[in-house]
Amino acid sequence: MEHGVIERNRIAIVGFVATAITFGPGRMAYGMFLPQLKEEFAFSAGTAGAIAGLGFAAFLLALFVTGSLTPRFGPRLPLLIGGGFAVAGFALTALAPGMAVLSLGVACASASAGFAWTPFNSMTQQAVPEQYRRRVLSIVSTGTTFGIIAAGVLAMGIAAGGLSWRIAWAAFAAIAPIAVILPMLLLSKQDGFEHGRRVDIRKEFSRLRRREAVPLYGLALSFGATNGTYLSYWIEHISQSGGLPGVPSELIGPVLFIAFGLAGCLGLFTGDVVERRGLRMVLLVLFSGSAASLLLLGFLPGSWAGTLASAALQGICVMCLSAIYSFWSQRLFPDIPAESFTAVLMLYAAGSVIAPPVAGQLGSALGLGPTLALFGAVSIGSLLLVRRVQEAP
């Protein structure tokens, strides 16, 4: 068999499953079940935002820790920690007797995503031939979309059947150990799944200062801000605007998350499309799509066509940009793939932490519709950075 085929298949499969679990329900399920959580624990919209912010902050902290662990100990340790956090986060949330445990569970589940994604950049760089790296990283990142679809279908069934949201979180906790077991069973030294080297973390990250990387960093921060705002307020804005015709309020989230995930399946083809059309053109389309998604949500919150198109566009942008950030950072920094991707995701996470509270303040003053439209303008402004993107040689 061709050299590298087994390794790239194993890395793609394990990475797909890990991101499906940690980025699917780990990052998204809180927003999906927010109406039921608010009803049971009787907390305000402000408290809901604070819990979401805690999740984003836990994700950011986990990325920082992963950036320190991967070079020193190899991908194994952060992957196992991420799987452990997923199990703990889902279980704590399912059993939460009150707000404190619920918040801790949401934070642990979000942190799992920060541990369990970036190590695959390191493994891909070590074990996968260059011509297949974009495809493997696209498959790994698109695991998220299938996790979202599965969580959305489960949430819809539970809401339609009048069952407790705790059943879904218990199911997530039962599945999450796969994120620990699968890497141990399938990955080996040939996959780059081994101990790393002693490094000076500050020195390693200082190597990330390159002019060619400025568009990458700026676009990661920009999309973190717009996507974080979108995911924080989309269901609330639709509910405040009277909901969607013909569907109970508790089903709005699951339906739109499924649309989000289904459209995101196109992320599987990101690497191939970039290869054919060029990075700059794909980024132009994606950030235009991000702007359209926010504008549709801002101005047509009561329209099925508008909200479904908005969710689909946002899903495509999330999955495709996740893949692009992964292999773009690896191309710019081939000798430090995990550290560079961690830095990019930290900027993305920082945007997700900073922007939603600002959007909340603007929403109180202007209304959520105009606020979401303003963040659509941020995506349009980001096209100026796209012009500075350098194509691969």
Protein backbone atom coordinates (compact mmCIF):
# COMPACT_ATOMS: atom_id res chain seq x y z
CA MET A 1 0.00 0.00 0.00
CA GLU A 2 1.22 3.52 -0.81
CA HIS A 3 3.33 5.03 1.95
CA GLY A 4 1.24 7.28 4.17
CA VAL A 5 -2.19 5.93 3.17
CA ILE A 6 -2.75 4.07 6.44
CA GLU A 7 -1.44 6.96 8.52
CA ARG A 8 -3.53 9.62 6.81
CA ASN A 9 -6.67 7.48 7.03
CA ARG A 10 -6.16 6.83 10.74
CA ILE A 11 -5.48 10.49 11.49
CA ALA A 12 -8.50 11.59 9.45
CA ILE A 13 -10.83 9.09 11.16
CA VAL A 14 -9.66 9.77 14.71
CA GLY A 15 -9.61 13.52 14.15
CA PHE A 16 -13.08 13.45 12.62
CA VAL A 17 -14.48 11.60 15.64
CA ALA A 18 -12.64 13.78 18.16
CA THR A 19 -13.92 17.04 16.68
CA ALA A 20 -17.40 15.56 16.21
CA ILE A 21 -17.60 14.94 19.96
CA THR A 22 -15.74 17.92 21.37
CA PHE A 23 -16.74 20.61 18.87
CA GLY A 24 -20.21 19.23 18.15
CA PRO A 25 -22.06 18.87 21.45
CA GLY A 26 -19.01 20.10 23.40
CA ARG A 27 -19.13 23.61 21.94
CA MET A 28 -22.66 23.81 20.52
CA ALA A 29 -25.06 21.88 22.75
CA TYR A 30 -25.35 24.62 25.38
CA GLY A 31 -26.89 27.02 22.85
CA MET A 32 -29.07 24.27 21.43
CA PHE A 33 -30.62 23.46 24.81
CA LEU A 34 -30.59 27.01 26.20
CA PRO A 35 -34.42 27.43 26.27
CA GLN A 36 -34.82 24.27 28.37
CA LEU A 37 -31.88 25.20 30.63
CA LYS A 38 -33.28 28.70 31.25
CA GLU A 39 -36.66 27.22 32.09
CA GLU A 40 -35.31 24.67 34.57
CA PHE A 41 -32.74 26.85 36.32
CA ALA A 42 -34.68 30.13 35.98
CA PHE A 43 -31.77 32.32 34.97
CA SER A 44 -31.81 35.53 32.96
CA ALA A 45 -30.50 36.30 29.50
CA GLY A 46 -27.55 38.04 31.14
CA THR A 47 -26.69 34.91 33.10
CA ALA A 48 -27.04 32.83 29.94
CA GLY A 49 -24.51 35.11 28.27
CA ALA A 50 -22.16 34.85 31.23
CA ILE A 51 -22.23 31.03 31.09
CA ALA A 52 -21.58 31.15 27.34
CA GLY A 53 -18.69 33.54 27.98
CA LEU A 54 -17.28 31.16 30.57
CA GLY A 55 -17.38 28.40 27.95
CA PHE A 56 -15.52 30.57 25.42
CA ALA A 57 -12.95 31.50 28.08
CA ALA A 58 -12.42 27.83 29.00
CA PHE A 59 -11.89 27.05 25.32
CA LEU A 60 -9.33 29.85 25.09
CA LEU A 61 -7.47 28.66 28.19
CA ALA A 62 -7.45 25.08 26.91
CA LEU A 63 -5.91 26.23 23.64
CA PHE A 64 -3.13 27.99 25.53
CA VAL A 65 -2.42 24.89 27.62
CA THR A 66 -2.48 22.71 24.50
CA GLY A 67 0.03 24.98 22.84
CA SER A 68 2.36 24.34 25.78
CA LEU A 69 1.77 20.59 26.07
CA THR A 70 1.92 19.45 22.44
CA PRO A 71 5.51 20.48 21.67
CA ARG A 72 6.78 19.01 24.94
CA PHE A 73 4.81 15.79 25.21
CA GLY A 74 3.45 15.18 21.72
CA PRO A 75 -0.24 15.02 20.69
CA ARG A 76 -1.16 12.10 22.99
CA LEU A 77 -1.50 14.01 26.26
CA PRO A 78 -3.71 16.92 25.09
CA LEU A 79 -5.94 14.52 23.16
CA LEU A 80 -6.52 12.38 26.24
CA ILE A 81 -7.11 15.44 28.41
CA GLY A 82 -9.63 16.73 25.88
CA GLY A 83 -11.54 13.45 25.90
CA GLY A 84 -11.54 13.46 29.70
CA PHE A 85 -12.89 17.00 29.81
CA ALA A 86 -15.65 16.04 27.38
CA VAL A 87 -16.76 13.13 29.58
CA ALA A 88 -16.64 15.27 32.73
CA GLY A 89 -18.39 18.24 31.13
CA PHE A 90 -21.28 16.24 29.72
CA ALA A 91 -21.74 14.24 32.92
CA LEU A 92 -21.63 17.31 35.18
CA THR A 93 -24.20 19.10 33.03
CA ALA A 94 -26.50 16.07 32.91
CA LEU A 95 -26.43 15.75 36.72
CA ALA A 96 -26.27 19.47 37.58
CA PRO A 97 -28.39 20.29 40.66
CA GLY A 98 -27.85 24.01 40.29
CA MET A 99 -26.20 26.85 38.45
CA ALA A 100 -22.67 26.32 39.77
CA VAL A 101 -22.37 22.72 38.56
CA LEU A 102 -24.13 23.57 35.29
CA SER A 103 -21.62 26.36 34.60
CA LEU A 104 -18.70 24.08 35.43
CA GLY A 105 -20.06 21.37 33.14
CA VAL A 106 -20.51 23.78 30.22
CA ALA A 107 -16.98 25.13 30.77
CA CYS A 108 -15.43 21.64 30.84
CA ALA A 109 -17.29 20.61 27.68
CA SER A 110 -16.09 23.75 25.88
CA ALA A 111 -12.53 23.24 27.10
CA SER A 112 -12.48 19.75 25.59
CA ALA A 113 -12.55 21.30 22.11
CA GLY A 114 -9.48 23.38 22.90
CA PHE A 115 -7.50 20.28 23.80
CA ALA A 116 -8.67 17.87 21.11
CA TRP A 117 -8.23 19.63 17.76
CA THR A 118 -4.88 21.38 17.28
CA PRO A 119 -2.77 18.23 17.96
CA PHE A 120 -3.98 16.85 14.63
CA ASN A 121 -2.07 19.60 12.83
CA SER A 122 1.11 18.27 14.37
CA MET A 123 0.28 14.67 13.44
CA THR A 124 -0.66 15.61 9.88
CA GLN A 125 2.59 17.50 9.41
CA GLN A 126 4.62 14.54 10.67
CA ALA A 127 2.84 11.61 9.05
CA VAL A 128 0.83 12.72 6.00
CA PRO A 129 2.39 13.43 2.57
CA GLU A 130 2.10 17.10 1.64
CA GLN A 131 -0.34 16.57 -1.25
CA TYR A 132 -2.92 15.03 1.12
CA ARG A 133 -2.65 17.38 4.10
CA ARG A 134 -5.39 19.81 3.08
CA ARG A 135 -7.83 16.95 2.55
CA VAL A 136 -7.02 15.28 5.88
CA LEU A 137 -7.32 18.56 7.80
CA SER A 138 -10.61 19.33 6.03
CA ILE A 139 -11.98 15.95 7.15
CA VAL A 140 -10.79 16.50 10.73
CA SER A 141 -12.38 19.95 11.01
CA THR A 142 -15.64 18.84 9.38
CA GLY A 143 -16.20 16.26 12.09
CA THR A 144 -17.76 19.18 13.93
CA THR A 145 -20.65 19.42 11.52
CA PHE A 146 -21.65 15.78 11.96
CA GLY A 147 -21.50 16.19 15.73
CA ILE A 148 -23.80 19.20 15.43
CA ILE A 149 -26.25 17.31 13.21
CA ALA A 150 -26.38 14.35 15.62
CA ALA A 151 -26.86 16.65 18.62
CA GLY A 152 -29.56 18.59 16.75
CA VAL A 153 -31.49 15.46 15.83
CA LEU A 154 -31.30 14.27 19.44
CA ALA A 155 -32.41 17.68 20.73
CA MET A 156 -35.33 17.71 18.31
CA GLY A 157 -36.48 14.25 19.38
CA ILE A 158 -36.26 15.15 23.05
CA ALA A 159 -38.11 18.45 22.62
CA ALA A 160 -40.80 16.86 20.45
CA GLY A 161 -41.29 14.04 22.96
CA GLY A 162 -41.42 16.36 25.95
CA LEU A 163 -38.44 14.59 27.54
CA SER A 164 -35.80 16.07 29.81
CA TRP A 165 -32.77 17.76 28.27
CA ARG A 166 -30.70 15.76 30.78
CA ILE A 167 -31.21 12.63 28.67
CA ALA A 168 -29.31 14.23 25.80
CA TRP A 169 -26.38 15.27 27.99
CA ALA A 170 -26.26 11.79 29.54
CA ALA A 171 -26.10 10.36 26.00
CA PHE A 172 -23.24 12.73 25.17
CA ALA A 173 -21.42 11.57 28.31
CA ALA A 174 -21.90 7.94 27.31
CA ILE A 175 -20.44 8.54 23.84
CA ALA A 176 -17.59 10.85 24.87
CA PRO A 177 -15.17 8.11 26.06
CA ILE A 178 -14.71 7.22 22.39
CA ALA A 179 -12.65 10.41 22.12
CA VAL A 180 -10.23 8.84 24.63
CA ILE A 181 -10.33 5.22 23.48
CA LEU A 182 -10.06 5.70 19.71
CA PRO A 183 -6.74 7.59 19.71
CA MET A 184 -5.25 4.97 22.04
CA LEU A 185 -6.38 2.13 19.77
CA LEU A 186 -5.66 3.54 16.30
CA LEU A 187 -2.81 6.02 16.54
CA SER A 188 0.84 5.06 16.85
CA LYS A 189 4.33 6.52 16.56
CA GLN A 190 4.01 6.36 12.79
CA ASP A 191 1.20 8.91 13.07
CA GLY A 192 3.29 11.41 15.01
CA PHE A 193 1.49 10.19 18.12
CA GLU A 194 4.54 10.25 20.37
CA HIS A 195 6.51 12.35 22.82
CA GLY A 196 7.59 15.75 21.66
CA ARG A 197 10.67 17.72 22.57
CA ARG A 198 11.75 20.23 25.18
CA VAL A 199 11.01 23.72 23.92
CA ASP A 200 10.99 27.30 25.08
CA ILE A 201 7.31 28.13 24.61
CA ARG A 202 7.86 31.89 24.54
CA LYS A 203 10.57 31.48 21.92
CA GLU A 204 8.38 29.16 19.83
CA PHE A 205 5.47 31.57 19.81
CA SER A 206 7.78 34.51 19.05
CA ARG A 207 8.48 32.79 15.72
CA LEU A 208 4.87 33.41 14.73
CA ARG A 209 5.54 37.09 14.00
CA ARG A 210 5.54 37.17 10.24
CA ARG A 211 4.08 39.78 7.91
CA GLU A 212 2.61 37.08 5.67
CA ALA A 213 0.56 35.81 8.62
CA VAL A 214 -1.17 39.14 9.36
CA PRO A 215 -4.20 38.38 7.14
CA LEU A 216 -4.54 34.94 8.76
CA TYR A 217 -4.51 36.42 12.25
CA GLY A 218 -6.85 39.29 11.38
CA LEU A 219 -9.37 37.05 9.66
CA ALA A 220 -9.33 34.60 12.57
CA LEU A 221 -10.04 37.40 15.06
CA SER A 222 -12.72 38.88 12.80
CA PHE A 223 -14.58 35.64 12.28
CA GLY A 224 -14.29 34.77 15.97
CA ALA A 225 -16.05 38.03 16.76
CA THR A 226 -18.83 37.65 14.19
CA ASN A 227 -19.40 33.94 14.70
CA GLY A 228 -19.32 34.26 18.50
CA THR A 229 -21.93 37.02 18.29
CA TYR A 230 -24.04 35.03 15.86
CA LEU A 231 -24.09 31.88 17.99
CA SER A 232 -24.73 33.88 21.16
CA TYR A 233 -27.81 35.71 19.92
CA TRP A 234 -29.34 34.00 16.87
CA ILE A 235 -31.97 31.92 18.69
CA GLU A 236 -32.74 34.74 21.13
CA HIS A 237 -33.21 37.25 18.29
CA ILE A 238 -35.57 34.93 16.46
CA SER A 239 -37.54 34.24 19.67
CA GLN A 240 -37.76 37.95 20.55
CA SER A 241 -39.07 38.63 17.06
CA GLY A 242 -41.98 36.23 17.48
CA GLY A 243 -40.36 32.95 16.47
CA LEU A 244 -40.87 31.03 13.24
CA PRO A 245 -44.33 30.18 11.93
CA GLY A 246 -45.57 26.66 12.53
CA VAL A 247 -42.90 25.48 14.99
CA PRO A 248 -42.82 25.57 18.83
CA SER A 249 -40.10 27.78 20.31
CA GLU A 250 -38.23 24.80 21.81
CA LEU A 251 -37.76 23.31 18.32
CA ILE A 252 -36.34 26.43 16.68
CA GLY A 253 -32.82 25.79 17.97
CA PRO A 254 -32.60 22.12 16.94
CA VAL A 255 -34.04 22.79 13.47
CA LEU A 256 -31.60 25.61 12.75
CA PHE A 257 -28.64 23.75 14.22
CA ILE A 258 -29.39 20.82 11.90
CA ALA A 259 -29.49 23.21 8.91
CA PHE A 260 -26.23 24.72 10.17
CA GLY A 261 -24.61 21.29 10.38
CA LEU A 262 -25.92 19.93 7.09
CA ALA A 263 -24.64 22.91 5.15
CA GLY A 264 -21.34 22.64 6.98
CA CYS A 265 -20.78 19.22 5.41
CA LEU A 266 -19.45 21.15 2.41
CA GLY A 267 -16.39 21.77 4.56
CA LEU A 268 -15.23 18.29 3.58
CA PHE A 269 -14.33 19.68 0.16
CA THR A 270 -12.53 22.80 1.37
CA GLY A 271 -9.03 21.59 0.61
CA ASP A 272 -9.94 20.51 -2.92
CA VAL A 273 -11.77 23.77 -3.68
CA VAL A 274 -8.86 25.88 -2.44
CA GLU A 275 -6.52 23.81 -4.58
CA ARG A 276 -8.59 24.57 -7.68
CA ARG A 277 -9.83 28.13 -7.07
CA GLY A 278 -7.15 29.62 -4.87
CA LEU A 279 -7.19 30.70 -1.24
CA ARG A 280 -7.99 34.36 -1.90
CA MET A 281 -11.09 33.61 -3.98
CA VAL A 282 -12.45 31.11 -1.44
CA LEU A 283 -11.93 33.56 1.41
CA LEU A 284 -13.69 36.29 -0.58
CA VAL A 285 -16.73 34.04 -1.01
CA LEU A 286 -16.74 32.89 2.63
CA PHE A 287 -16.52 36.34 4.23
CA SER A 288 -19.18 37.62 1.84
CA GLY A 289 -21.28 34.67 2.97
CA SER A 290 -20.63 35.52 6.60
CA ALA A 291 -21.86 39.07 6.01
CA ALA A 292 -24.98 37.80 4.22
CA SER A 293 -25.67 35.35 7.07
CA LEU A 294 -25.63 38.11 9.69
CA LEU A 295 -27.69 40.50 7.57
CA LEU A 296 -30.34 37.86 6.86
CA LEU A 297 -30.60 37.01 10.54
CA GLY A 298 -30.68 40.68 11.54
CA PHE A 299 -33.44 41.74 9.15
CA LEU A 300 -35.47 38.54 8.52
CA PRO A 301 -35.69 36.78 11.91
CA GLY A 302 -39.30 35.67 11.35
CA SER A 303 -38.74 34.22 7.89
CA TRP A 304 -38.13 30.50 7.39
CA ALA A 305 -36.28 31.17 4.14
CA GLY A 306 -34.17 33.93 5.68
CA THR A 307 -33.22 32.07 8.86
CA LEU A 308 -32.51 28.76 7.12
CA ALA A 309 -30.33 30.51 4.54
CA SER A 310 -28.59 32.39 7.34
CA ALA A 311 -27.92 29.20 9.35
CA ALA A 312 -26.69 27.36 6.24
CA LEU A 313 -24.31 30.16 5.26
CA GLN A 314 -22.95 30.40 8.79
CA GLY A 315 -22.45 26.63 8.91
CA ILE A 316 -20.54 26.67 5.62
CA CYS A 317 -18.35 29.54 6.83
CA VAL A 318 -17.55 27.88 10.17
CA MET A 319 -16.56 24.53 8.70
CA CYS A 320 -14.70 25.83 5.66
CA LEU A 321 -12.82 28.51 7.58
CA SER A 322 -11.91 26.00 10.29
CA ALA A 323 -10.26 23.85 7.65
CA ILE A 324 -8.60 26.83 5.97
CA TYR A 325 -7.14 28.18 9.21
CA SER A 326 -5.76 24.73 9.89
CA PHE A 327 -3.88 24.16 6.64
CA TRP A 328 -3.09 27.87 6.06
CA SER A 329 -1.28 28.08 9.40
CA GLN A 330 0.51 24.82 8.62
CA ARG A 331 1.66 26.17 5.25
CA LEU A 332 3.02 29.38 6.77
CA PHE A 333 4.70 27.62 9.71
CA PRO A 334 5.48 24.03 8.63
CA ASP A 335 8.01 23.49 11.42
CA ILE A 336 5.59 24.50 14.23
CA PRO A 337 2.15 23.35 12.93
CA ALA A 338 0.47 22.80 16.31
CA GLU A 339 1.75 26.05 17.82
CA SER A 340 0.72 28.12 14.79
CA PHE A 341 -2.77 26.65 14.62
CA THR A 342 -3.14 27.10 18.37
CA ALA A 343 -2.24 30.78 17.99
CA VAL A 344 -4.83 31.19 15.23
CA LEU A 345 -7.55 29.50 17.29
CA MET A 346 -6.62 31.62 20.31
CA LEU A 347 -7.29 34.74 18.23
CA TYR A 348 -10.56 33.22 17.04
CA ALA A 349 -11.50 32.41 20.64
CA ALA A 350 -10.50 35.89 21.81
CA GLY A 351 -12.89 37.38 19.28
CA SER A 352 -15.61 35.04 20.57
CA VAL A 353 -14.97 36.15 24.15
CA ILE A 354 -14.76 39.89 23.51
CA ALA A 355 -17.47 40.51 20.91
CA PRO A 356 -20.67 38.99 22.43
CA PRO A 357 -20.69 41.26 25.53
CA VAL A 358 -20.13 44.26 23.25
CA ALA A 359 -22.94 43.03 21.03
CA GLY A 360 -25.14 42.66 24.11
CA GLN A 361 -24.59 46.30 25.05
CA LEU A 362 -25.23 47.43 21.49
CA GLY A 363 -28.32 45.22 21.36
CA SER A 364 -29.74 46.92 24.44
CA ALA A 365 -29.26 50.31 22.81
CA LEU A 366 -30.02 49.59 19.16
CA GLY A 367 -31.84 46.26 19.16
CA LEU A 368 -30.41 42.89 18.15
CA GLY A 369 -31.35 43.26 14.48
CA PRO A 370 -29.24 46.36 13.80
CA THR A 371 -26.47 44.97 16.02
CA LEU A 372 -26.23 41.78 13.99
CA ALA A 373 -26.20 43.89 10.83
CA LEU A 374 -23.27 45.88 12.23
CA PHE A 375 -21.33 42.67 12.74
CA GLY A 376 -22.19 41.79 9.15
CA ALA A 377 -20.37 44.99 8.24
CA VAL A 378 -17.34 43.65 10.15
CA SER A 379 -17.26 40.67 7.79
CA ILE A 380 -17.48 43.02 4.81
CA GLY A 381 -14.61 45.09 6.21
CA SER A 382 -12.57 41.91 6.57
CA LEU A 383 -12.46 41.65 2.79
CA LEU A 384 -9.73 44.30 2.91
CA LEU A 385 -7.53 41.71 4.62
CA VAL A 386 -8.45 39.10 2.03
CA ARG A 387 -6.79 41.29 -0.61
CA ARG A 388 -3.48 40.89 1.24
CA VAL A 389 -3.59 37.08 1.25
CA GLN A 390 -0.68 35.43 -0.53
CA GLU A 391 -1.38 32.30 -2.52
CA ALA A 392 0.69 29.19 -1.97
CA PRO A 393 3.77 29.05 -4.20
